[in-house]
N, C-alpha and C. Protein backbone atom coordinates (compact mmCIF):
# COMPACT_ATOMS: atom_id res chain seq x y z
N MET A 1 -25.30 23.26 -14.38
CA MET A 1 -24.27 23.35 -13.93
C MET A 1 -23.34 24.74 -14.51
N SER A 2 -22.66 25.02 -13.53
CA SER A 2 -21.91 26.47 -14.11
C SER A 2 -20.48 25.95 -14.52
N ASN A 3 -20.06 27.22 -15.06
CA ASN A 3 -18.76 26.66 -15.73
C ASN A 3 -17.81 26.25 -14.68
N MET A 4 -17.91 26.61 -13.42
CA MET A 4 -16.77 26.39 -12.44
C MET A 4 -16.71 25.13 -12.21
N ASP A 5 -18.09 24.31 -12.33
CA ASP A 5 -18.46 22.87 -11.76
C ASP A 5 -17.81 21.91 -13.19
N TYR A 6 -17.45 22.56 -14.35
CA TYR A 6 -16.62 21.79 -15.36
C TYR A 6 -15.52 21.29 -15.07
N ASP A 7 -15.17 19.87 -15.14
CA ASP A 7 -13.92 19.54 -14.95
C ASP A 7 -13.73 18.58 -16.21
N PRO A 8 -12.52 19.29 -17.07
CA PRO A 8 -12.19 18.51 -18.51
C PRO A 8 -11.58 17.35 -17.81
N LEU A 9 -10.65 17.12 -17.07
CA LEU A 9 -9.89 15.91 -16.83
C LEU A 9 -10.94 14.82 -16.10
N ALA A 10 -11.63 15.26 -15.44
CA ALA A 10 -12.82 14.09 -15.33
C ALA A 10 -13.70 13.74 -15.98
N LEU A 11 -13.93 14.48 -17.23
CA LEU A 11 -14.76 14.17 -18.48
C LEU A 11 -13.44 13.05 -19.20
N SER A 12 -12.46 13.65 -19.36
CA SER A 12 -11.69 12.76 -20.33
C SER A 12 -11.32 11.29 -19.78
N VAL A 13 -11.41 11.37 -18.46
CA VAL A 13 -11.20 9.95 -17.63
C VAL A 13 -12.52 9.01 -17.86
N VAL A 14 -13.60 9.53 -17.95
CA VAL A 14 -14.90 8.92 -18.14
C VAL A 14 -14.68 8.48 -19.95
N ASP A 15 -14.24 9.36 -20.58
CA ASP A 15 -14.22 9.14 -21.96
C ASP A 15 -13.42 7.90 -22.16
N GLN A 16 -12.31 8.23 -21.61
CA GLN A 16 -11.46 6.89 -21.80
C GLN A 16 -11.80 5.74 -21.61
N LYS A 17 -12.81 5.43 -20.52
CA LYS A 17 -13.19 4.19 -20.11
C LYS A 17 -14.28 3.83 -21.00
N ASN A 18 -14.68 4.72 -21.58
CA ASN A 18 -15.88 4.57 -22.64
C ASN A 18 -15.36 4.33 -24.07
N GLN A 19 -14.14 4.21 -24.31
CA GLN A 19 -13.86 4.35 -25.78
C GLN A 19 -14.09 3.00 -26.51
N ILE A 20 -14.54 1.90 -25.69
CA ILE A 20 -15.21 0.87 -26.44
C ILE A 20 -16.33 0.32 -26.12
N GLY A 21 -17.03 1.49 -25.80
CA GLY A 21 -18.71 1.01 -25.51
C GLY A 21 -18.94 0.48 -24.49
N LEU A 22 -17.95 0.77 -23.36
CA LEU A 22 -18.52 0.03 -22.13
C LEU A 22 -19.10 0.97 -21.35
N THR A 23 -20.05 0.72 -20.37
CA THR A 23 -20.40 1.68 -19.42
C THR A 23 -19.35 1.92 -18.19
N ASN A 24 -19.65 2.43 -17.45
CA ASN A 24 -18.28 2.50 -16.37
C ASN A 24 -18.41 1.50 -15.54
N LYS A 25 -19.32 1.11 -15.33
CA LYS A 25 -19.51 -0.33 -14.60
C LYS A 25 -19.28 -1.19 -14.80
N GLN A 26 -19.56 -1.90 -16.46
CA GLN A 26 -18.93 -2.87 -17.11
C GLN A 26 -17.26 -2.93 -17.24
N HIS A 27 -16.75 -1.49 -17.39
CA HIS A 27 -15.37 -1.42 -17.58
C HIS A 27 -14.75 -1.88 -16.17
N ASP A 28 -15.34 -1.52 -15.21
CA ASP A 28 -14.94 -1.79 -13.69
C ASP A 28 -15.03 -3.27 -13.46
N GLU A 29 -16.05 -3.83 -13.97
CA GLU A 29 -16.14 -5.26 -13.69
C GLU A 29 -15.25 -6.03 -14.72
N VAL A 30 -14.92 -5.68 -15.76
CA VAL A 30 -13.89 -6.32 -16.65
C VAL A 30 -12.42 -6.36 -15.90
N ILE A 31 -12.21 -4.96 -15.13
CA ILE A 31 -11.01 -4.80 -14.32
C ILE A 31 -11.03 -5.86 -13.14
N GLU A 32 -12.15 -5.96 -12.70
CA GLU A 32 -12.16 -6.67 -11.57
C GLU A 32 -11.93 -8.35 -11.74
N GLN A 33 -12.55 -8.83 -12.88
CA GLN A 33 -12.18 -10.06 -13.44
C GLN A 33 -10.91 -10.31 -14.06
N TYR A 34 -10.22 -9.57 -14.44
CA TYR A 34 -8.78 -9.49 -14.96
C TYR A 34 -7.76 -9.54 -13.55
N ILE A 35 -8.21 -8.77 -12.65
CA ILE A 35 -7.25 -8.94 -11.44
C ILE A 35 -7.41 -9.99 -10.82
N ASP A 36 -8.80 -10.72 -10.61
CA ASP A 36 -8.93 -12.26 -10.39
C ASP A 36 -7.74 -13.10 -10.90
N ILE A 37 -7.82 -12.79 -12.18
CA ILE A 37 -6.62 -13.68 -13.05
C ILE A 37 -5.38 -13.66 -12.60
N VAL A 38 -5.43 -12.09 -12.60
CA VAL A 38 -3.84 -12.16 -12.30
C VAL A 38 -3.09 -12.74 -10.60
N ILE A 39 -4.05 -12.37 -9.86
CA ILE A 39 -4.05 -12.90 -8.66
C ILE A 39 -3.86 -14.39 -8.65
N ASP A 40 -4.84 -15.30 -9.21
CA ASP A 40 -5.12 -16.32 -9.12
C ASP A 40 -3.64 -17.12 -9.87
N ARG A 41 -3.14 -16.41 -10.72
CA ARG A 41 -1.70 -16.71 -11.10
C ARG A 41 -0.39 -16.60 -10.21
N MET A 42 -0.60 -15.75 -9.29
CA MET A 42 0.53 -15.12 -8.28
C MET A 42 0.80 -16.65 -7.38
N GLU A 43 2.13 -16.63 -7.16
CA GLU A 43 2.77 -17.58 -5.67
C GLU A 43 2.54 -16.79 -4.88
N LEU A 44 2.54 -17.31 -3.71
CA LEU A 44 2.31 -16.59 -2.44
C LEU A 44 3.69 -15.60 -2.38
N ASP A 45 4.59 -15.81 -2.89
CA ASP A 45 5.74 -14.91 -2.77
C ASP A 45 5.75 -13.83 -3.53
N ASP A 46 5.08 -13.95 -4.27
CA ASP A 46 4.79 -12.74 -5.36
C ASP A 46 4.12 -12.11 -4.47
N LEU A 47 2.73 -12.58 -4.19
CA LEU A 47 1.64 -11.65 -3.51
C LEU A 47 2.37 -10.98 -2.08
N VAL A 48 3.14 -11.67 -1.43
CA VAL A 48 3.70 -10.94 -0.31
C VAL A 48 4.79 -9.75 -0.61
N GLN A 49 5.24 -10.00 -1.72
CA GLN A 49 6.22 -9.10 -2.43
C GLN A 49 5.88 -7.72 -2.88
N TYR A 50 4.37 -8.17 -3.41
CA TYR A 50 3.84 -6.95 -3.73
C TYR A 50 3.11 -6.10 -2.86
N VAL A 51 2.43 -7.01 -1.90
CA VAL A 51 1.80 -6.02 -0.57
C VAL A 51 3.06 -5.61 0.05
N ARG A 52 4.20 -6.00 0.13
CA ARG A 52 5.33 -5.25 0.74
C ARG A 52 5.32 -4.22 0.07
N GLU A 53 5.74 -3.91 -1.10
CA GLU A 53 6.06 -2.68 -2.07
C GLU A 53 4.93 -1.80 -1.64
N ASP A 54 3.60 -2.26 -2.04
CA ASP A 54 2.68 -1.54 -1.71
C ASP A 54 2.48 -0.64 -0.52
N LEU A 55 2.66 -1.22 0.69
CA LEU A 55 2.89 -0.56 2.09
C LEU A 55 3.79 0.21 2.05
N ASP A 56 5.13 0.05 1.51
CA ASP A 56 6.33 0.60 1.71
C ASP A 56 5.85 2.18 1.07
N ASN A 57 5.60 1.98 -0.27
CA ASN A 57 4.96 3.14 -0.93
C ASN A 57 3.94 3.91 -0.23
N ARG A 58 3.19 3.50 0.30
CA ARG A 58 1.96 4.21 1.30
C ARG A 58 2.74 4.91 2.72
N TYR A 59 3.55 4.32 3.44
CA TYR A 59 3.98 4.50 4.42
C TYR A 59 5.04 5.57 4.20
N SER A 60 5.95 5.61 3.20
CA SER A 60 6.76 6.18 2.68
C SER A 60 6.45 7.82 2.57
N TYR A 61 5.14 7.73 2.09
CA TYR A 61 4.63 9.07 1.67
C TYR A 61 4.42 10.03 2.85
N MET A 62 4.04 9.31 4.04
CA MET A 62 4.14 9.49 5.28
C MET A 62 4.89 10.41 6.16
N ASN A 63 4.75 11.98 6.76
CA ASN A 63 5.93 11.96 7.57
C ASN A 63 5.66 11.44 8.77
N SER A 64 6.92 11.69 9.73
CA SER A 64 6.71 10.80 11.06
C SER A 64 5.82 10.89 11.92
N ILE A 65 4.95 11.97 11.94
CA ILE A 65 4.12 12.27 12.86
C ILE A 65 2.77 11.48 12.47
N GLU A 66 2.97 11.53 10.90
CA GLU A 66 1.69 10.91 10.26
C GLU A 66 1.68 9.42 10.36
N PHE A 67 2.66 8.59 10.30
CA PHE A 67 2.96 7.45 10.30
C PHE A 67 2.88 7.08 11.76
N LYS A 68 3.35 7.67 12.45
CA LYS A 68 3.08 7.37 14.08
C LYS A 68 1.54 7.30 14.38
N GLU A 69 0.80 8.60 14.05
CA GLU A 69 -0.58 8.43 14.35
C GLU A 69 -1.25 7.05 13.82
N TYR A 70 -0.87 6.77 12.48
CA TYR A 70 -1.46 5.74 11.83
C TYR A 70 -1.29 4.37 12.42
N VAL A 71 0.01 4.00 12.92
CA VAL A 71 0.36 2.71 13.45
C VAL A 71 -0.41 3.01 14.83
N GLU A 72 -0.48 4.11 15.36
CA GLU A 72 -1.22 4.15 17.13
C GLU A 72 -2.81 3.87 16.77
N ASP A 73 -3.11 4.18 15.58
CA ASP A 73 -4.45 3.96 15.24
C ASP A 73 -4.76 2.33 15.20
N MET A 74 -3.95 1.74 14.45
CA MET A 74 -4.22 0.76 13.70
C MET A 74 -3.59 -0.53 14.66
N GLU A 75 -2.71 0.03 15.59
CA GLU A 75 -2.04 -1.23 16.44
C GLU A 75 -2.46 -1.17 17.67
N GLU A 76 -1.72 -2.27 18.65
CA GLU A 76 -1.59 -1.82 20.08
C GLU A 76 -0.94 -0.36 20.47
N ASP A 77 -1.26 -0.10 21.67
CA ASP A 77 -0.70 1.29 22.08
C ASP A 77 0.67 1.57 21.90
N ASP A 78 1.66 0.55 22.44
CA ASP A 78 2.95 0.61 22.85
C ASP A 78 3.61 0.18 21.36
N LEU A 79 3.31 -0.41 20.30
CA LEU A 79 3.90 -0.83 19.01
C LEU A 79 4.72 0.28 18.42
N PHE A 80 4.44 1.36 18.25
CA PHE A 80 5.21 2.02 17.54
C PHE A 80 6.70 2.48 18.21
N ASP A 81 6.10 3.04 19.69
CA ASP A 81 7.60 2.96 20.80
C ASP A 81 8.28 2.07 20.56
N GLU A 82 7.80 0.54 20.56
CA GLU A 82 8.62 -0.41 20.54
C GLU A 82 9.37 -0.78 19.08
N LEU A 83 8.61 -0.07 18.01
CA LEU A 83 9.54 -0.22 16.90
C LEU A 83 10.71 1.03 16.90
N VAL A 84 10.32 1.98 17.35
CA VAL A 84 11.55 3.12 17.74
C VAL A 84 12.63 2.92 18.53
N ASP A 85 12.27 2.14 19.42
CA ASP A 85 12.92 1.68 20.25
C ASP A 85 14.18 0.37 19.59
N ASN A 86 13.78 -0.23 18.82
CA ASN A 86 14.18 -1.15 17.94
C ASN A 86 15.40 -0.44 17.19
N VAL A 87 15.45 0.67 16.68
CA VAL A 87 15.92 1.12 15.78
C VAL A 87 17.11 2.10 16.29
N THR A 88 16.42 2.74 17.64
CA THR A 88 17.53 3.84 18.20
C THR A 88 18.35 3.05 19.50
N ASN A 89 17.89 1.91 19.45
CA ASN A 89 18.81 1.61 20.89
C ASN A 89 19.93 0.54 20.38
N GLU A 90 21.06 0.51 20.26
CA GLU A 90 21.97 -0.33 20.00
C GLU A 90 21.69 -1.88 20.62
N THR A 91 21.79 -2.59 19.87
CA THR A 91 21.59 -4.17 20.36
C THR A 91 22.77 -4.94 19.88
N VAL A 92 23.41 -5.79 20.47
CA VAL A 92 24.14 -6.87 19.88
C VAL A 92 23.64 -7.94 19.29
N LEU A 93 23.62 -8.41 18.13
CA LEU A 93 23.09 -9.37 17.25
C LEU A 93 24.07 -10.80 17.57
N ASP A 94 23.42 -11.66 17.53
CA ASP A 94 24.26 -12.85 18.06
C ASP A 94 24.37 -13.69 16.71
N ILE A 95 24.73 -13.10 15.35
CA ILE A 95 24.28 -13.70 14.27
C ILE A 95 24.89 -15.07 13.88
N ASN A 96 26.02 -15.35 15.00
CA ASN A 96 26.69 -16.74 14.88
C ASN A 96 26.09 -17.81 15.92
N ASN A 97 25.26 -17.29 16.64
CA ASN A 97 24.86 -18.02 17.76
C ASN A 97 25.85 -18.83 18.56
N THR A 98 26.48 -17.67 19.00
CA THR A 98 27.49 -18.13 20.07
C THR A 98 27.45 -17.62 21.36
N GLY A 99 26.35 -16.91 21.60
CA GLY A 99 25.99 -16.43 23.23
C GLY A 99 26.79 -15.18 23.14
N GLY A 100 27.26 -14.47 22.40
CA GLY A 100 28.17 -13.41 22.40
C GLY A 100 29.65 -13.59 22.52
N ALA A 101 29.97 -14.89 22.53
CA ALA A 101 31.39 -15.02 22.66
C ALA A 101 32.27 -14.89 21.09
N TYR A 102 33.29 -14.28 20.70
CA TYR A 102 33.95 -14.25 19.54
C TYR A 102 34.32 -15.37 19.36
């Protein structure tokens, strides 16, 4: 291995995982077990909020082109256009359920 292949940051991450004598695989398995315990304790609303925040963080880092391509790859062909239409076309919301009468 040449000096150019040496990554001190990668080595420090491995060392941090093994500070209590676990292999990387054992360390990952302990994490997986704890994740299962945390998830089992969560209510559905908590899980939904967590996923919403995670997705919001993920999508917020995308620019509009990246997000458009992502949605088009993952969803129906017209969904992105429909979402854009929802925010660009003014619609009257009937929040009082009066049929538009004031």
